[in-house]
Amino acid sequence: MRVLGIDPGLNVTGFGVVDVDGHALRYVASGTITTRHLGTGNLPARLKVLFDGINEVAARYQPDASAVEIVFVNVNPQSTLLLGQARGACVTALVTSNLSVAEYTALQMKQAVAGHGNAAKAQVQEMVKRLLNLPGLPGSDAADALGIAITHAHVGRSMARLASATALAPGATGSYRSGRTR
């Protein structure tokens, strides 16, 4: 299985592609999509760059599944809204490419990759380097994206089995379930 991991950002979005064979992981590619050259005043153009960039990565590497980091709520609400729009452009590009999209928090990724949720960026970079047997450290955005892909490789199948065995099976998601009344 080939997994595409995405670390969304409005200025820089990281991507990482990993092949998974059982428990074995193999690095395929990683990099960033940047919108800094467009300036902060042109949000629609920046979102288009992200959308087109993710579509290009998906077309080039033909992943079987994708995983995206869930946006955290920032101290600055405006920054959180902008990041959410960037994430939306990325998720939309993945769905347009007919990929399933799994979502993981930064905490879940750090726990899966570094063993604890308080890992620093440098620790994530080092662990990604070791897990994928890379010759050097990946950039921080690419490392986070590779970490998201690794997280999905490690826990994606288990989460899918849990979801199918509970009331949260795909057919039940989003449907109304009546609650208890007096």
N, C-alpha and C. Protein backbone atom coordinates (compact mmCIF):
# COMPACT_ATOMS: atom_id res chain seq x y z
N MET A 1 0.85 -1.17 0.00
CA MET A 1 0.00 0.00 0.00
C MET A 1 0.90 1.24 0.00
N ARG A 2 0.50 2.24 -0.75
CA ARG A 2 1.23 3.50 -0.80
C ARG A 2 0.38 4.57 -0.12
N VAL A 3 0.99 5.30 0.84
CA VAL A 3 0.28 6.30 1.62
C VAL A 3 0.90 7.67 1.35
N LEU A 4 0.02 8.64 1.10
CA LEU A 4 0.42 10.04 0.95
C LEU A 4 0.02 10.78 2.21
N GLY A 5 1.00 11.35 2.91
CA GLY A 5 0.74 12.14 4.11
C GLY A 5 0.84 13.62 3.79
N ILE A 6 -0.05 14.41 4.40
CA ILE A 6 -0.08 15.85 4.16
C ILE A 6 -0.03 16.59 5.48
N ASP A 7 0.87 17.57 5.57
CA ASP A 7 0.94 18.50 6.70
C ASP A 7 0.52 19.86 6.14
N PRO A 8 -0.78 20.21 6.28
CA PRO A 8 -1.27 21.42 5.62
C PRO A 8 -0.78 22.70 6.27
N GLY A 9 -0.55 23.68 5.44
CA GLY A 9 -0.18 25.01 5.88
C GLY A 9 -0.46 25.98 4.75
N LEU A 10 -0.77 27.20 5.07
CA LEU A 10 -1.08 28.17 4.03
C LEU A 10 0.19 28.67 3.34
N ASN A 11 1.27 28.84 4.08
CA ASN A 11 2.54 29.26 3.48
C ASN A 11 3.29 28.07 2.89
N VAL A 12 3.37 26.99 3.67
CA VAL A 12 4.10 25.79 3.26
C VAL A 12 3.28 24.56 3.65
N THR A 13 3.00 23.72 2.69
CA THR A 13 2.33 22.44 2.93
C THR A 13 3.34 21.34 2.64
N GLY A 14 3.52 20.46 3.61
CA GLY A 14 4.44 19.34 3.42
C GLY A 14 3.71 18.13 2.89
N PHE A 15 4.42 17.33 2.09
CA PHE A 15 3.87 16.05 1.65
C PHE A 15 4.93 14.97 1.79
N GLY A 16 4.47 13.75 2.03
CA GLY A 16 5.37 12.62 2.15
C GLY A 16 4.69 11.37 1.65
N VAL A 17 5.41 10.56 0.89
CA VAL A 17 4.87 9.34 0.31
C VAL A 17 5.69 8.17 0.83
N VAL A 18 4.97 7.16 1.36
CA VAL A 18 5.61 6.00 1.95
C VAL A 18 4.94 4.74 1.42
N ASP A 19 5.73 3.74 1.08
CA ASP A 19 5.19 2.42 0.74
C ASP A 19 5.18 1.57 1.99
N VAL A 20 4.10 0.82 2.17
CA VAL A 20 3.92 -0.02 3.35
C VAL A 20 3.74 -1.46 2.88
N ASP A 21 4.55 -2.36 3.44
CA ASP A 21 4.42 -3.79 3.16
C ASP A 21 4.47 -4.50 4.50
N GLY A 22 3.29 -4.81 5.05
CA GLY A 22 3.22 -5.36 6.40
C GLY A 22 3.67 -4.30 7.39
N HIS A 23 4.76 -4.59 8.11
CA HIS A 23 5.31 -3.61 9.05
C HIS A 23 6.49 -2.84 8.45
N ALA A 24 6.91 -3.23 7.25
CA ALA A 24 8.04 -2.57 6.61
C ALA A 24 7.59 -1.28 5.92
N LEU A 25 8.39 -0.23 6.11
CA LEU A 25 8.13 1.07 5.50
C LEU A 25 9.25 1.38 4.53
N ARG A 26 8.90 1.99 3.40
CA ARG A 26 9.91 2.40 2.43
C ARG A 26 9.60 3.81 1.96
N TYR A 27 10.58 4.68 2.05
CA TYR A 27 10.46 6.06 1.60
C TYR A 27 10.32 6.09 0.09
N VAL A 28 9.37 6.91 -0.39
CA VAL A 28 9.19 7.11 -1.82
C VAL A 28 9.56 8.54 -2.20
N ALA A 29 8.95 9.51 -1.54
CA ALA A 29 9.20 10.91 -1.89
C ALA A 29 8.69 11.82 -0.77
N SER A 30 9.19 13.04 -0.77
CA SER A 30 8.67 14.06 0.15
C SER A 30 9.07 15.42 -0.38
N GLY A 31 8.40 16.44 0.13
CA GLY A 31 8.72 17.79 -0.28
C GLY A 31 7.70 18.77 0.26
N THR A 32 7.69 19.95 -0.32
CA THR A 32 6.78 20.99 0.13
C THR A 32 6.15 21.68 -1.08
N ILE A 33 4.99 22.24 -0.82
CA ILE A 33 4.30 23.10 -1.77
C ILE A 33 4.21 24.45 -1.08
N THR A 34 4.74 25.48 -1.71
CA THR A 34 4.80 26.78 -1.06
C THR A 34 3.96 27.81 -1.82
N THR A 35 3.39 28.74 -1.04
CA THR A 35 2.61 29.82 -1.63
C THR A 35 3.19 31.18 -1.26
N ARG A 36 4.35 31.20 -0.66
CA ARG A 36 4.95 32.46 -0.20
C ARG A 36 5.16 33.46 -1.33
N HIS A 37 5.42 32.96 -2.52
CA HIS A 37 5.69 33.83 -3.66
C HIS A 37 4.47 34.66 -4.08
N LEU A 38 3.28 34.29 -3.61
CA LEU A 38 2.07 35.00 -4.00
C LEU A 38 1.71 36.14 -3.05
N GLY A 39 2.32 36.18 -1.89
CA GLY A 39 1.99 37.23 -0.91
C GLY A 39 0.71 36.89 -0.16
N THR A 40 0.49 37.60 0.91
CA THR A 40 -0.63 37.27 1.80
C THR A 40 -1.97 37.79 1.32
N GLY A 41 -2.00 38.70 0.36
CA GLY A 41 -3.26 39.31 -0.05
C GLY A 41 -4.08 38.53 -1.04
N ASN A 42 -3.56 37.43 -1.57
CA ASN A 42 -4.27 36.72 -2.63
C ASN A 42 -4.62 35.30 -2.17
N LEU A 43 -5.54 35.20 -1.22
CA LEU A 43 -5.91 33.90 -0.65
C LEU A 43 -6.43 32.92 -1.69
N PRO A 44 -7.36 33.30 -2.59
CA PRO A 44 -7.84 32.33 -3.58
C PRO A 44 -6.71 31.73 -4.43
N ALA A 45 -5.76 32.55 -4.85
CA ALA A 45 -4.65 32.04 -5.66
C ALA A 45 -3.78 31.08 -4.85
N ARG A 46 -3.58 31.38 -3.58
CA ARG A 46 -2.77 30.51 -2.72
C ARG A 46 -3.46 29.16 -2.53
N LEU A 47 -4.78 29.18 -2.33
CA LEU A 47 -5.52 27.93 -2.18
C LEU A 47 -5.47 27.10 -3.46
N LYS A 48 -5.51 27.78 -4.60
CA LYS A 48 -5.42 27.07 -5.89
C LYS A 48 -4.05 26.41 -6.04
N VAL A 49 -2.99 27.09 -5.62
CA VAL A 49 -1.65 26.49 -5.69
C VAL A 49 -1.60 25.22 -4.85
N LEU A 50 -2.19 25.25 -3.65
CA LEU A 50 -2.21 24.06 -2.80
C LEU A 50 -3.02 22.94 -3.44
N PHE A 51 -4.21 23.29 -3.93
CA PHE A 51 -5.08 22.30 -4.58
C PHE A 51 -4.37 21.65 -5.77
N ASP A 52 -3.82 22.47 -6.65
CA ASP A 52 -3.13 21.96 -7.83
C ASP A 52 -1.89 21.15 -7.45
N GLY A 53 -1.15 21.62 -6.44
CA GLY A 53 0.05 20.91 -6.00
C GLY A 53 -0.26 19.53 -5.45
N ILE A 54 -1.30 19.42 -4.63
CA ILE A 54 -1.68 18.11 -4.08
C ILE A 54 -2.16 17.19 -5.20
N ASN A 55 -2.94 17.73 -6.14
CA ASN A 55 -3.38 16.93 -7.29
C ASN A 55 -2.19 16.41 -8.09
N GLU A 56 -1.18 17.26 -8.27
CA GLU A 56 0.01 16.85 -9.02
C GLU A 56 0.78 15.75 -8.29
N VAL A 57 0.93 15.89 -6.97
CA VAL A 57 1.62 14.87 -6.18
C VAL A 57 0.85 13.55 -6.24
N ALA A 58 -0.47 13.61 -6.11
CA ALA A 58 -1.29 12.39 -6.17
C ALA A 58 -1.19 11.73 -7.54
N ALA A 59 -1.20 12.52 -8.60
CA ALA A 59 -1.10 11.95 -9.95
C ALA A 59 0.28 11.33 -10.19
N ARG A 60 1.29 11.97 -9.68
CA ARG A 60 2.66 11.50 -9.91
C ARG A 60 2.97 10.21 -9.16
N TYR A 61 2.55 10.13 -7.87
CA TYR A 61 2.96 9.00 -7.03
C TYR A 61 1.87 7.94 -6.86
N GLN A 62 0.67 8.19 -7.34
CA GLN A 62 -0.42 7.21 -7.34
C GLN A 62 -0.60 6.50 -5.99
N PRO A 63 -0.85 7.25 -4.91
CA PRO A 63 -1.05 6.60 -3.61
C PRO A 63 -2.37 5.84 -3.56
N ASP A 64 -2.44 4.87 -2.64
CA ASP A 64 -3.66 4.09 -2.42
C ASP A 64 -4.54 4.74 -1.35
N ALA A 65 -3.92 5.51 -0.47
CA ALA A 65 -4.65 6.16 0.63
C ALA A 65 -3.90 7.44 0.99
N SER A 66 -4.61 8.30 1.72
CA SER A 66 -3.97 9.54 2.17
C SER A 66 -4.33 9.81 3.62
N ALA A 67 -3.51 10.61 4.25
CA ALA A 67 -3.74 11.01 5.64
C ALA A 67 -3.33 12.47 5.78
N VAL A 68 -4.12 13.22 6.55
CA VAL A 68 -3.91 14.65 6.71
C VAL A 68 -3.88 14.98 8.19
N GLU A 69 -3.01 15.91 8.56
CA GLU A 69 -2.99 16.37 9.94
C GLU A 69 -4.20 17.24 10.22
N ILE A 70 -4.81 17.02 11.37
CA ILE A 70 -5.96 17.82 11.79
C ILE A 70 -5.45 19.15 12.32
N VAL A 71 -6.13 20.21 11.95
CA VAL A 71 -5.76 21.56 12.36
C VAL A 71 -6.02 21.73 13.85
N PHE A 72 -5.07 22.35 14.54
CA PHE A 72 -5.28 22.68 15.94
C PHE A 72 -5.80 24.11 16.03
N VAL A 73 -6.49 24.42 17.11
CA VAL A 73 -7.00 25.77 17.30
C VAL A 73 -5.87 26.63 17.84
N ASN A 74 -5.55 27.66 17.08
CA ASN A 74 -4.45 28.55 17.40
C ASN A 74 -4.93 29.65 18.34
N VAL A 75 -3.99 30.35 18.95
CA VAL A 75 -4.33 31.49 19.81
C VAL A 75 -5.00 32.58 18.98
N ASN A 76 -4.55 32.74 17.74
CA ASN A 76 -5.08 33.75 16.84
C ASN A 76 -6.19 33.11 15.99
N PRO A 77 -7.46 33.51 16.19
CA PRO A 77 -8.56 32.90 15.43
C PRO A 77 -8.41 33.09 13.92
N GLN A 78 -7.89 34.23 13.48
CA GLN A 78 -7.72 34.48 12.04
C GLN A 78 -6.74 33.48 11.45
N SER A 79 -5.65 33.20 12.15
CA SER A 79 -4.67 32.21 11.67
C SER A 79 -5.30 30.83 11.58
N THR A 80 -6.13 30.48 12.56
CA THR A 80 -6.80 29.19 12.55
C THR A 80 -7.73 29.07 11.36
N LEU A 81 -8.48 30.13 11.06
CA LEU A 81 -9.38 30.11 9.91
C LEU A 81 -8.61 29.96 8.60
N LEU A 82 -7.51 30.68 8.47
CA LEU A 82 -6.70 30.58 7.24
C LEU A 82 -6.11 29.18 7.09
N LEU A 83 -5.62 28.62 8.18
CA LEU A 83 -5.07 27.27 8.15
C LEU A 83 -6.15 26.27 7.79
N GLY A 84 -7.36 26.47 8.32
CA GLY A 84 -8.48 25.59 7.99
C GLY A 84 -8.83 25.63 6.51
N GLN A 85 -8.73 26.80 5.91
CA GLN A 85 -9.00 26.91 4.48
C GLN A 85 -7.91 26.20 3.66
N ALA A 86 -6.67 26.31 4.10
CA ALA A 86 -5.58 25.60 3.42
C ALA A 86 -5.79 24.10 3.53
N ARG A 87 -6.15 23.65 4.71
CA ARG A 87 -6.42 22.22 4.92
C ARG A 87 -7.58 21.76 4.05
N GLY A 88 -8.61 22.60 3.95
CA GLY A 88 -9.76 22.27 3.10
C GLY A 88 -9.37 22.11 1.64
N ALA A 89 -8.49 22.98 1.16
CA ALA A 89 -8.02 22.85 -0.22
C ALA A 89 -7.27 21.54 -0.42
N CYS A 90 -6.47 21.15 0.57
CA CYS A 90 -5.71 19.90 0.50
C CYS A 90 -6.64 18.69 0.52
N VAL A 91 -7.60 18.68 1.44
CA VAL A 91 -8.53 17.55 1.54
C VAL A 91 -9.37 17.45 0.27
N THR A 92 -9.81 18.58 -0.25
CA THR A 92 -10.60 18.58 -1.48
C THR A 92 -9.79 18.01 -2.64
N ALA A 93 -8.53 18.36 -2.73
CA ALA A 93 -7.67 17.82 -3.79
C ALA A 93 -7.52 16.31 -3.64
N LEU A 94 -7.38 15.82 -2.41
CA LEU A 94 -7.25 14.38 -2.19
C LEU A 94 -8.53 13.65 -2.59
N VAL A 95 -9.66 14.21 -2.20
CA VAL A 95 -10.94 13.58 -2.53
C VAL A 95 -11.18 13.63 -4.05
N THR A 96 -10.80 14.73 -4.68
CA THR A 96 -10.92 14.85 -6.13
C THR A 96 -10.06 13.81 -6.84
N SER A 97 -8.96 13.41 -6.21
CA SER A 97 -8.08 12.37 -6.74
C SER A 97 -8.57 10.97 -6.38
N ASN A 98 -9.78 10.88 -5.84
CA ASN A 98 -10.40 9.60 -5.46
C ASN A 98 -9.62 8.84 -4.40
N LEU A 99 -9.06 9.58 -3.45
CA LEU A 99 -8.34 8.94 -2.35
C LEU A 99 -9.17 8.97 -1.07
N SER A 100 -9.07 7.91 -0.29
CA SER A 100 -9.64 7.93 1.04
C SER A 100 -8.76 8.85 1.88
N VAL A 101 -9.37 9.57 2.82
CA VAL A 101 -8.63 10.53 3.63
C VAL A 101 -8.80 10.19 5.10
N ALA A 102 -7.69 9.84 5.75
CA ALA A 102 -7.68 9.62 7.20
C ALA A 102 -7.15 10.89 7.84
N GLU A 103 -7.54 11.13 9.09
CA GLU A 103 -7.12 12.35 9.78
C GLU A 103 -6.51 12.00 11.12
N TYR A 104 -5.39 12.64 11.43
CA TYR A 104 -4.69 12.42 12.69
C TYR A 104 -4.25 13.76 13.25
N THR A 105 -4.25 13.86 14.56
CA THR A 105 -3.76 15.07 15.22
C THR A 105 -2.23 15.03 15.28
N ALA A 106 -1.64 16.17 15.53
CA ALA A 106 -0.19 16.24 15.70
C ALA A 106 0.23 15.36 16.89
N LEU A 107 -0.58 15.34 17.94
CA LEU A 107 -0.29 14.51 19.11
C LEU A 107 -0.26 13.03 18.73
N GLN A 108 -1.24 12.58 17.96
CA GLN A 108 -1.27 11.18 17.53
C GLN A 108 -0.04 10.84 16.68
N MET A 109 0.33 11.76 15.78
CA MET A 109 1.48 11.53 14.93
C MET A 109 2.76 11.45 15.77
N LYS A 110 2.93 12.37 16.69
CA LYS A 110 4.13 12.36 17.53
C LYS A 110 4.21 11.10 18.38
N GLN A 111 3.07 10.64 18.89
CA GLN A 111 3.06 9.41 19.67
C GLN A 111 3.44 8.22 18.81
N ALA A 112 2.93 8.16 17.57
CA ALA A 112 3.21 7.03 16.69
C ALA A 112 4.66 7.04 16.21
N VAL A 113 5.22 8.21 15.98
CA VAL A 113 6.55 8.30 15.40
C VAL A 113 7.65 8.38 16.46
N ALA A 114 7.45 9.22 17.47
CA ALA A 114 8.50 9.46 18.47
C ALA A 114 8.23 8.77 19.81
N GLY A 115 7.04 8.25 20.01
CA GLY A 115 6.74 7.54 21.24
C GLY A 115 6.11 8.38 22.33
N HIS A 116 6.04 9.71 22.13
CA HIS A 116 5.35 10.57 23.10
C HIS A 116 4.83 11.82 22.39
N GLY A 117 3.74 12.33 22.88
CA GLY A 117 3.05 13.44 22.24
C GLY A 117 3.70 14.80 22.37
N ASN A 118 4.71 14.92 23.23
CA ASN A 118 5.38 16.20 23.42
C ASN A 118 6.69 16.29 22.65
N ALA A 119 6.87 15.45 21.65
CA ALA A 119 8.11 15.44 20.89
C ALA A 119 8.31 16.77 20.16
N ALA A 120 9.52 17.25 20.16
CA ALA A 120 9.86 18.47 19.44
C ALA A 120 10.02 18.16 17.96
N LYS A 121 9.99 19.20 17.14
CA LYS A 121 10.13 19.02 15.68
C LYS A 121 11.41 18.26 15.34
N ALA A 122 12.50 18.59 16.03
CA ALA A 122 13.77 17.92 15.77
C ALA A 122 13.69 16.42 16.07
N GLN A 123 12.96 16.06 17.12
CA GLN A 123 12.79 14.64 17.46
C GLN A 123 11.99 13.92 16.39
N VAL A 124 10.93 14.56 15.89
CA VAL A 124 10.13 13.97 14.82
C VAL A 124 10.99 13.78 13.58
N GLN A 125 11.77 14.79 13.23
CA GLN A 125 12.64 14.69 12.06
C GLN A 125 13.62 13.52 12.21
N GLU A 126 14.23 13.39 13.38
CA GLU A 126 15.20 12.32 13.61
C GLU A 126 14.54 10.94 13.54
N MET A 127 13.37 10.81 14.14
CA MET A 127 12.69 9.51 14.12
C MET A 127 12.21 9.14 12.72
N VAL A 128 11.73 10.11 11.97
CA VAL A 128 11.34 9.85 10.57
C VAL A 128 12.56 9.39 9.79
N LYS A 129 13.68 10.06 9.99
CA LYS A 129 14.93 9.67 9.33
C LYS A 129 15.27 8.21 9.66
N ARG A 130 15.17 7.85 10.92
CA ARG A 130 15.51 6.48 11.34
C ARG A 130 14.51 5.46 10.84
N LEU A 131 13.22 5.76 10.97
CA LEU A 131 12.18 4.81 10.56
C LEU A 131 12.22 4.52 9.06
N LEU A 132 12.59 5.53 8.27
CA LEU A 132 12.61 5.37 6.82
C LEU A 132 14.02 5.17 6.27
N ASN A 133 15.02 5.10 7.18
CA ASN A 133 16.41 4.87 6.79
C ASN A 133 16.88 5.90 5.76
N LEU A 134 16.62 7.16 6.07
CA LEU A 134 17.01 8.26 5.18
C LEU A 134 18.46 8.66 5.42
N PRO A 135 19.15 9.15 4.41
CA PRO A 135 20.55 9.55 4.58
C PRO A 135 20.71 10.86 5.35
N GLY A 136 19.66 11.67 5.41
CA GLY A 136 19.73 12.95 6.12
C GLY A 136 18.37 13.31 6.67
N LEU A 137 18.34 14.39 7.45
CA LEU A 137 17.07 14.83 8.03
C LEU A 137 16.19 15.48 6.96
N PRO A 138 14.92 15.11 6.92
CA PRO A 138 14.00 15.82 6.03
C PRO A 138 13.67 17.18 6.64
N GLY A 139 13.20 18.12 5.83
CA GLY A 139 12.75 19.40 6.36
C GLY A 139 11.59 19.20 7.30
N SER A 140 11.32 20.16 8.16
CA SER A 140 10.31 19.96 9.21
C SER A 140 8.92 19.73 8.65
N ASP A 141 8.51 20.44 7.59
CA ASP A 141 7.17 20.23 7.02
C ASP A 141 7.07 18.87 6.34
N ALA A 142 8.10 18.49 5.60
CA ALA A 142 8.12 17.18 4.95
C ALA A 142 8.17 16.07 6.00
N ALA A 143 8.93 16.28 7.09
CA ALA A 143 9.02 15.28 8.16
C ALA A 143 7.65 15.07 8.82
N ASP A 144 6.92 16.16 9.05
CA ASP A 144 5.59 16.02 9.64
C ASP A 144 4.66 15.27 8.69
N ALA A 145 4.75 15.55 7.39
CA ALA A 145 3.91 14.84 6.42
C ALA A 145 4.29 13.36 6.36
N LEU A 146 5.58 13.05 6.37
CA LEU A 146 6.01 11.66 6.41
C LEU A 146 5.55 11.00 7.70
N GLY A 147 5.59 11.76 8.81
CA GLY A 147 5.10 11.24 10.09
C GLY A 147 3.61 10.91 10.04
N ILE A 148 2.83 11.73 9.36
CA ILE A 148 1.39 11.45 9.20
C ILE A 148 1.20 10.18 8.37
N ALA A 149 1.99 10.02 7.31
CA ALA A 149 1.91 8.80 6.50
C ALA A 149 2.30 7.58 7.31
N ILE A 150 3.35 7.70 8.11
CA ILE A 150 3.79 6.59 8.97
C ILE A 150 2.71 6.26 10.00
N THR A 151 2.11 7.27 10.57
CA THR A 151 1.03 7.05 11.54
C THR A 151 -0.10 6.26 10.90
N HIS A 152 -0.49 6.64 9.70
CA HIS A 152 -1.57 5.92 9.01
C HIS A 152 -1.13 4.49 8.70
N ALA A 153 0.12 4.31 8.33
CA ALA A 153 0.62 2.96 8.06
C ALA A 153 0.56 2.09 9.30
N HIS A 154 0.83 2.68 10.46
CA HIS A 154 0.84 1.92 11.71
C HIS A 154 -0.56 1.67 12.27
N VAL A 155 -1.41 2.67 12.21
CA VAL A 155 -2.70 2.54 12.91
C VAL A 155 -3.91 2.56 11.99
N GLY A 156 -3.74 2.83 10.72
CA GLY A 156 -4.87 2.95 9.81
C GLY A 156 -5.73 1.71 9.73
N ARG A 157 -5.11 0.55 9.59
CA ARG A 157 -5.88 -0.69 9.49
C ARG A 157 -6.59 -1.01 10.80
N SER A 158 -5.93 -0.75 11.92
CA SER A 158 -6.57 -1.00 13.22
C SER A 158 -7.77 -0.10 13.42
N MET A 159 -7.63 1.19 13.04
CA MET A 159 -8.75 2.12 13.19
C MET A 159 -9.91 1.72 12.28
N ALA A 160 -9.62 1.25 11.08
CA ALA A 160 -10.68 0.82 10.16
C ALA A 160 -11.41 -0.39 10.72
N ARG A 161 -10.68 -1.32 11.32
CA ARG A 161 -11.33 -2.50 11.91
C ARG A 161 -12.20 -2.11 13.10
N LEU A 162 -11.71 -1.18 13.93
CA LEU A 162 -12.51 -0.70 15.06
C LEU A 162 -13.78 -0.01 14.59
N ALA A 163 -13.65 0.83 13.58
CA ALA A 163 -14.82 1.57 13.08
C ALA A 163 -15.86 0.62 12.50
N SER A 164 -15.42 -0.42 11.82
CA SER A 164 -16.39 -1.33 11.21
C SER A 164 -17.04 -2.24 12.26
N ALA A 165 -16.41 -2.39 13.41
CA ALA A 165 -16.96 -3.26 14.45
C ALA A 165 -17.85 -2.52 15.44
N THR A 166 -17.99 -1.21 15.28
CA THR A 166 -18.78 -0.42 16.21
C THR A 166 -19.90 0.30 15.48
N ALA A 167 -20.65 1.07 16.24
CA ALA A 167 -21.74 1.85 15.66
C ALA A 167 -21.22 2.95 14.75
N LEU A 168 -19.91 3.18 14.73
CA LEU A 168 -19.34 4.22 13.89
C LEU A 168 -18.96 3.69 12.51
N ALA A 169 -19.56 2.57 12.13
CA ALA A 169 -19.28 2.02 10.81
C ALA A 169 -19.62 3.05 9.74
N PRO A 170 -18.97 2.96 8.59
CA PRO A 170 -19.15 3.98 7.57
C PRO A 170 -20.60 4.31 7.23
N GLY A 171 -21.51 3.34 7.25
CA GLY A 171 -22.91 3.61 6.92
C GLY A 171 -23.62 4.44 7.98
N ALA A 172 -23.11 4.43 9.21
CA ALA A 172 -23.78 5.14 10.29
C ALA A 172 -23.28 6.57 10.47
N THR A 173 -22.14 6.89 9.90
CA THR A 173 -21.57 8.21 10.08
C THR A 173 -22.47 9.27 9.47
N GLY A 174 -22.74 10.30 10.24
CA GLY A 174 -23.50 11.42 9.74
C GLY A 174 -25.00 11.21 9.73
N SER A 175 -25.46 10.07 10.14
CA SER A 175 -26.91 9.85 10.15
C SER A 175 -27.46 10.20 11.51
N TYR A 176 -28.72 10.50 11.56
CA TYR A 176 -29.38 10.87 12.80
C TYR A 176 -29.72 9.62 13.57
N ARG A 177 -29.37 9.64 14.85
CA ARG A 177 -29.74 8.55 15.75
C ARG A 177 -30.54 9.18 16.88
N SER A 178 -31.76 8.72 17.06
CA SER A 178 -32.59 9.36 18.07
C SER A 178 -32.03 9.05 19.45
N GLY A 179 -32.15 10.03 20.31
CA GLY A 179 -31.67 9.87 21.68
C GLY A 179 -32.82 9.49 22.61
N ARG A 180 -32.53 9.45 23.86
CA ARG A 180 -33.51 9.10 24.86
C ARG A 180 -34.41 10.30 25.15
N THR A 181 -35.69 10.06 25.29
CA THR A 181 -36.61 11.12 25.68
C THR A 181 -37.25 10.74 27.00
N ARG A 182 -37.97 11.67 27.59
CA ARG A 182 -38.59 11.39 28.88
C ARG A 182 -39.59 10.34 28.82
